[in-house]
C-alpha cells in the first residue's frame, strides 16, 4: 500500500511537471515555426482554437519585456486589445479584422524571442500550476480576465516612456494563469492590475500637472 502511495505521488509530480510545460512548449513550438517561415495571426489562431486567446495574447506581448524598435506597439497592441475584449464578452472562438489578422511576425522577432524565452518560462514553470479550480473554471472569471487584459493592453499602448513592461507583465501572467487554470495566480494578477492602474493614474496626473506648470515657468 505504501509503495502504491509513493508511485501515485511520483506520477502526480510527473503530471504536474508536464502541465507546467504546456505554456512554454506551445510558445516555443509557435516561435520555431515563425523562425522558419512568417505566419500571420490568422494562421496561428486557426491552429490553436480556444487556447489561441491566451497563447496569441502571450505571444503578442512577450516582445515588450525586452528592447524593441520604437512604434512596435501598434498592431500587436490592437490585436491584444481585440482578443481580450472578445474574452470579456464571453467568446470562445477568436476573431480578428482582416487587416490585423494578416499581420506577420518578422523573422527577427521569433529569433530574438527564442533566445530570451527560457528566462521567462523558467520562472513561470516554478510558480504556475492548476490551483483554486473553482475560480479558474468559472466562466465569469474567463470574462473578467479578458476585461483585465483589455485594460492592461490600453495602458500598454499609452505613449508614456519606459512603462511598457509593467502592463506587459500583468497581461502575460494573466494569459498564462488562464491557460494553465491557476486560480491563485489569477487573484495575484488582479491585485497587480489594481496597483499598475494606480501607478499609471499617478504618472498621468504628474504629466498633466507638469504640462500645466510649464507655461508659468517661462513667464
Foldseek 3Di string as FASTA:
>chain_A
DVVVVVVVVVVVVVVQLVLLCVLVVVLLVVLVVCLVDWDFLLVQLVVQQLLSLLNLLLLLLLCLLDDDDPPSLPLSLVQNLQSLQCQLVLDRGDDDPPVSRRDIDHNVSSVVCNVVVCVVSVVSSVPDAADPLVQLVDSNNSNVLSVLSNVLSVVLPPPDPPCNNLSSVLSNQSSVCNSRNHRVSSVVSVVSSVVSVVVVVVVVVVVVVVVVCVVVVVD
